[in-house]
Amino acid sequence: MKKIVLFIVASVFVPQLWSQNISVSSDKTVTKEDRDFRIPLIGESAPSFTAESTNGTINFPDDFGRKWKVLFSHPQDFTPVCSTEIMELATLQNEFDKLGAKLVVISTDALDTHVQWKKSMETLSLNNKGSVKIKFPLVDDANLVVSKKYGMIHPSSNTTKSVRGVFIIDPDNIIQAIYFYPKSVGRNTDELLRMITALQATSSGKVLTPVNWRAGNDLLIPIPPKTDATGKTSVPDGFYSPIWYLWYKKASLIDENVSQSEN
């Protein structure tokens, strides 16, 4: 009788398990649906979340209002590469503030570990720059909610090693730039500052930045100056072109326009 009951139970439940595409590993059970983590793309709204952090409860992105946001993620606390990145971000906090940008760091460890990690890093001096207080929040993502929303869990791995993304988000909470780095390579914080500066400079849609552009360099224009009735191109002051498909606008002209709009 017992054998008959066991056979019936197995007949009912085993097919259901297979139909749900459940794969069983030694440490946890993960469904196929749980692996469908899509990276939100440039031009899409930044996924929102609520989580605990070293600065208290975070409601992202609402808590940061009309600021630019940099979401900077880590696979684990107390890792050497990530530690240097956070300490460097801390030394550049004022530079991000000047651009109206707020830093939000997430890591897949729990809040109490974040607190200890933060305390430890604040005692260190990176590249002889002196110790710095970390003012931005370190967000608890031990449950991987944020990592999943931002598509940072690799579909073929049970580890968090791919949680190395950076998302730059504009004041309208639209994703404007995305970076992913391998865990063995430290991220370039100067490039993050350059990217935000470039995004702000081109936000009007009237100018573009050429390769390796830095603040103060001339910019490209997407549409050449108009031609007159004779077919000749009229070149206003402050514009120049080395060839017909490349037109530049001098940075001094950009600065002039900004000053006039501010006045």
Protein backbone atom coordinates (compact mmCIF):
# COMPACT_ATOMS: atom_id res chain seq x y z
CA MET A 1 0.00 0.00 0.00
CA LYS A 2 2.82 2.41 0.93
CA LYS A 3 4.51 1.73 -2.40
CA ILE A 4 1.31 2.57 -4.26
CA VAL A 5 0.91 5.90 -2.39
CA LEU A 6 4.56 6.86 -3.07
CA PHE A 7 4.13 6.02 -6.75
CA ILE A 8 1.03 8.24 -6.98
CA VAL A 9 2.76 11.18 -5.24
CA ALA A 10 5.78 10.87 -7.53
CA SER A 11 3.55 10.66 -10.60
CA VAL A 12 1.76 13.89 -9.65
CA PHE A 13 4.63 16.09 -8.44
CA VAL A 14 7.68 15.12 -10.51
CA PRO A 15 6.16 16.21 -13.84
CA GLN A 16 5.15 19.51 -12.21
CA LEU A 17 8.74 20.12 -11.12
CA TRP A 18 10.06 19.45 -14.61
CA SER A 19 7.38 21.67 -16.17
CA GLN A 20 8.61 24.57 -14.03
CA ASN A 21 12.20 24.16 -15.35
CA ILE A 22 13.63 24.02 -11.85
CA SER A 23 17.35 23.30 -11.66
CA VAL A 24 18.70 22.12 -8.36
CA SER A 25 22.22 22.90 -7.21
CA SER A 26 24.00 21.98 -4.03
CA ASP A 27 23.39 25.40 -2.49
CA LYS A 28 20.07 26.71 -3.80
CA THR A 29 17.15 26.15 -6.16
CA VAL A 30 16.72 28.59 -9.01
CA THR A 31 13.87 28.69 -11.52
CA LYS A 32 14.36 29.50 -15.16
CA GLU A 33 12.23 32.62 -14.74
CA ASP A 34 14.56 33.83 -11.96
CA ARG A 35 17.40 33.84 -14.50
CA ASP A 36 15.74 36.15 -17.00
CA PHE A 37 17.46 39.34 -15.81
CA ARG A 38 17.40 42.04 -18.46
CA ILE A 39 19.80 44.97 -18.33
CA PRO A 40 17.79 48.23 -18.58
CA LEU A 41 19.04 50.06 -21.65
CA ILE A 42 20.10 53.63 -22.40
CA GLY A 43 16.99 55.77 -22.79
CA GLU A 44 14.89 53.66 -20.42
CA SER A 45 13.69 54.63 -16.95
CA ALA A 46 15.96 53.60 -14.09
CA PRO A 47 14.37 50.76 -12.08
CA SER A 48 13.29 51.96 -8.65
CA PHE A 49 14.00 50.20 -5.36
CA THR A 50 13.85 50.65 -1.61
CA ALA A 51 16.69 49.28 0.50
CA GLU A 52 18.65 49.81 3.69
CA SER A 53 22.03 51.53 3.50
CA THR A 54 24.78 53.00 5.65
CA ASN A 55 22.87 56.31 5.32
CA GLY A 56 19.50 54.83 6.30
CA THR A 57 16.61 53.72 4.11
CA ILE A 58 17.07 54.60 0.44
CA ASN A 59 14.19 55.15 -1.99
CA PHE A 60 15.92 55.19 -5.34
CA PRO A 61 15.80 57.30 -7.42
CA ASP A 62 13.13 59.48 -5.76
CA ASP A 63 15.28 60.48 -2.76
CA PHE A 64 17.75 62.21 -5.08
CA GLY A 65 15.28 64.51 -6.82
CA ARG A 66 16.52 66.41 -9.88
CA LYS A 67 20.12 65.30 -9.48
CA TRP A 68 22.23 63.15 -11.73
CA LYS A 69 22.72 59.73 -10.17
CA VAL A 70 25.60 57.26 -10.43
CA LEU A 71 24.67 53.72 -9.37
CA PHE A 72 27.95 51.90 -8.71
CA SER A 73 27.75 48.17 -7.93
CA HIS A 74 29.99 45.60 -6.24
CA PRO A 75 29.80 41.79 -5.95
CA GLN A 76 31.07 41.61 -2.37
CA ASP A 77 32.48 43.66 0.53
CA PHE A 78 36.15 43.74 1.54
CA THR A 79 37.36 42.88 -1.96
CA PRO A 80 40.61 44.63 -2.96
CA VAL A 81 39.56 46.15 -6.32
CA CYS A 82 36.20 47.37 -5.03
CA SER A 83 37.77 48.86 -1.92
CA THR A 84 40.13 51.04 -3.99
CA GLU A 85 37.22 52.15 -6.18
CA ILE A 86 35.10 53.27 -3.24
CA MET A 87 38.00 55.09 -1.59
CA GLU A 88 38.71 56.92 -4.85
CA LEU A 89 35.05 57.86 -5.22
CA ALA A 90 35.21 59.24 -1.69
CA THR A 91 38.14 61.51 -2.61
CA LEU A 92 36.13 62.77 -5.62
CA GLN A 93 32.86 63.45 -3.79
CA ASN A 94 33.22 67.22 -4.18
CA GLU A 95 33.84 66.85 -7.93
CA PHE A 96 30.63 64.89 -8.35
CA ASP A 97 28.79 67.45 -6.21
CA LYS A 98 29.96 70.25 -8.54
CA LEU A 99 28.27 68.41 -11.40
CA GLY A 100 25.08 67.96 -9.39
CA ALA A 101 25.64 64.20 -9.30
CA LYS A 102 24.99 61.87 -6.38
CA LEU A 103 26.77 58.56 -5.81
CA VAL A 104 24.92 55.42 -4.70
CA VAL A 105 26.97 52.28 -4.10
CA ILE A 106 25.40 48.84 -3.86
CA SER A 107 27.02 45.60 -2.74
CA THR A 108 25.55 42.13 -2.32
CA ASP A 109 26.58 41.77 1.32
CA ALA A 110 24.42 42.70 4.29
CA LEU A 111 24.24 46.10 5.96
CA ASP A 112 26.26 45.16 9.06
CA THR A 113 29.12 44.08 6.81
CA HIS A 114 28.83 47.34 4.87
CA VAL A 115 29.19 49.28 8.12
CA GLN A 116 32.40 47.48 9.03
CA TRP A 117 33.78 47.82 5.51
CA LYS A 118 33.06 51.55 5.48
CA LYS A 119 34.71 52.07 8.88
CA SER A 120 37.81 50.22 7.71
CA MET A 121 38.13 52.16 4.44
CA GLU A 122 37.75 55.49 6.23
CA THR A 123 40.95 54.75 8.18
CA LEU A 124 43.02 54.19 5.03
CA SER A 125 44.90 56.55 2.74
CA LEU A 126 44.68 55.63 -0.95
CA ASN A 127 47.76 56.70 -2.94
CA ASN A 128 48.84 58.99 -0.08
CA LYS A 129 45.76 61.19 -0.50
CA GLY A 130 44.82 60.93 3.17
CA SER A 131 41.84 59.24 4.77
CA VAL A 132 38.39 60.41 3.66
CA LYS A 133 34.89 60.07 5.11
CA ILE A 134 32.50 58.18 2.83
CA LYS A 135 29.37 60.34 2.62
CA PHE A 136 27.48 58.41 -0.04
CA PRO A 137 25.34 55.39 0.89
CA LEU A 138 26.46 51.76 0.67
CA VAL A 139 23.26 49.87 -0.08
CA ASP A 140 22.44 46.41 1.28
CA ASP A 141 21.62 44.15 -1.67
CA ALA A 142 22.10 40.82 0.08
CA ASN A 143 18.74 39.68 -1.36
CA LEU A 144 19.95 40.65 -4.88
CA VAL A 145 16.79 42.66 -5.61
CA VAL A 146 18.73 45.61 -7.06
CA SER A 147 21.23 43.41 -8.89
CA LYS A 148 18.38 41.56 -10.58
CA LYS A 149 16.47 44.73 -11.49
CA TYR A 150 19.58 46.08 -13.19
CA GLY A 151 20.36 42.81 -14.98
CA MET A 152 23.64 42.16 -13.19
CA ILE A 153 23.18 38.48 -12.31
CA HIS A 154 24.68 36.29 -15.01
CA PRO A 155 22.15 33.76 -16.34
CA SER A 156 24.66 30.89 -16.31
CA SER A 157 26.20 31.50 -12.89
CA ASN A 158 25.09 31.24 -9.26
CA THR A 159 27.72 33.78 -8.19
CA THR A 160 27.56 37.57 -7.97
CA LYS A 161 30.84 38.11 -9.84
CA SER A 162 29.11 40.03 -12.64
CA VAL A 163 27.68 42.66 -10.25
CA ARG A 164 30.18 45.22 -11.56
CA GLY A 165 27.90 47.61 -13.41
CA VAL A 166 27.78 51.41 -13.39
CA PHE A 167 24.62 53.25 -14.43
CA ILE A 168 24.58 57.02 -15.01
CA ILE A 169 21.05 58.38 -14.65
CA ASP A 170 19.86 61.89 -15.55
CA PRO A 171 17.58 64.24 -13.55
CA ASP A 172 14.54 62.75 -15.32
CA ASN A 173 15.61 59.31 -14.04
CA ILE A 174 16.50 58.09 -17.53
CA ILE A 175 19.57 55.89 -17.96
CA GLN A 176 22.12 57.76 -20.08
CA ALA A 177 25.23 55.57 -19.85
CA ILE A 178 26.14 52.03 -18.78
CA TYR A 179 29.50 50.44 -17.98
CA PHE A 180 30.39 46.88 -17.01
CA TYR A 181 33.86 45.95 -15.77
CA PRO A 182 35.37 42.55 -14.98
CA LYS A 183 36.14 41.96 -11.30
CA SER A 184 39.90 41.97 -11.99
CA VAL A 185 40.01 45.50 -13.46
CA GLY A 186 39.46 48.66 -11.44
CA ARG A 187 37.02 51.18 -12.87
CA ASN A 188 38.11 54.61 -14.13
CA THR A 189 36.49 57.28 -11.96
CA ASP A 190 37.85 60.11 -14.14
CA GLU A 191 35.87 58.64 -17.02
CA LEU A 192 32.68 58.80 -14.95
CA LEU A 193 33.25 62.52 -14.32
CA ARG A 194 34.06 63.05 -18.00
CA MET A 195 30.91 61.20 -19.06
CA ILE A 196 28.61 63.23 -16.80
CA THR A 197 30.24 66.47 -17.99
CA ALA A 198 29.81 65.39 -21.62
CA LEU A 199 26.20 64.32 -21.11
CA GLN A 200 25.41 67.69 -19.54
CA ALA A 201 27.17 69.56 -22.36
CA THR A 202 25.21 67.69 -25.04
CA SER A 203 21.84 67.50 -23.29
CA SER A 204 20.38 70.24 -25.51
CA GLY A 205 20.92 68.06 -28.57
CA LYS A 206 22.63 70.91 -30.41
CA VAL A 207 26.22 69.71 -29.93
CA LEU A 208 28.15 66.44 -29.77
CA THR A 209 31.48 65.55 -28.17
CA PRO A 210 34.33 64.17 -30.30
CA VAL A 211 36.68 61.38 -29.23
CA ASN A 212 38.50 61.91 -25.92
CA TRP A 213 36.64 65.16 -25.36
CA ARG A 214 37.30 67.05 -22.14
CA ALA A 215 35.59 70.09 -20.66
CA GLY A 216 36.95 73.16 -22.46
CA ASN A 217 37.53 71.35 -25.77
CA ASP A 218 35.64 72.31 -28.93
CA LEU A 219 32.48 70.37 -29.72
CA LEU A 220 30.94 68.90 -32.87
CA ILE A 221 27.63 70.06 -34.32
CA PRO A 222 25.23 67.44 -35.78
CA ILE A 223 23.99 69.64 -38.65
CA PRO A 224 26.31 71.79 -40.82
CA PRO A 225 25.61 75.54 -41.09
CA LYS A 226 23.02 76.46 -43.71
CA THR A 227 23.91 77.16 -47.33
CA ASP A 228 22.80 80.39 -49.00
CA ALA A 229 20.86 80.76 -52.25
CA THR A 230 24.01 80.31 -54.31
CA GLY A 231 24.77 76.99 -52.66
CA LYS A 232 27.67 78.33 -50.66
CA THR A 233 27.93 77.41 -47.00
CA SER A 234 27.70 80.34 -44.62
CA VAL A 235 30.15 79.83 -41.77
CA PRO A 236 29.25 81.86 -38.66
CA ASP A 237 31.96 83.03 -36.28
CA GLY A 238 33.06 80.31 -33.90
CA PHE A 239 32.49 77.44 -36.34
CA TYR A 240 35.04 75.61 -38.48
CA SER A 241 35.32 72.48 -40.60
CA PRO A 242 38.31 70.37 -41.75
CA ILE A 243 36.02 68.53 -44.20
CA TRP A 244 32.37 68.68 -45.22
CA TYR A 245 31.14 66.00 -42.80
CA LEU A 246 32.95 67.34 -39.70
CA TRP A 247 31.84 70.64 -38.23
CA TYR A 248 33.08 72.05 -34.95
CA LYS A 249 31.82 74.75 -32.61
CA LYS A 250 34.42 76.51 -30.51
CA ALA A 251 34.15 75.93 -26.76
CA SER A 252 34.45 79.68 -26.14
CA LEU A 253 31.18 80.15 -28.03
CA ILE A 254 29.50 77.50 -25.88
CA ASP A 255 30.71 79.22 -22.70
CA GLU A 256 29.41 82.57 -24.03
CA ASN A 257 25.95 81.14 -24.67
CA VAL A 258 25.86 79.57 -21.20
CA SER A 259 26.81 82.86 -19.53
CA GLN A 260 24.11 84.73 -21.48
CA SER A 261 21.43 82.18 -20.55
CA GLU A 262 22.44 82.39 -16.88
CA ASN A 263 22.16 86.19 -16.94
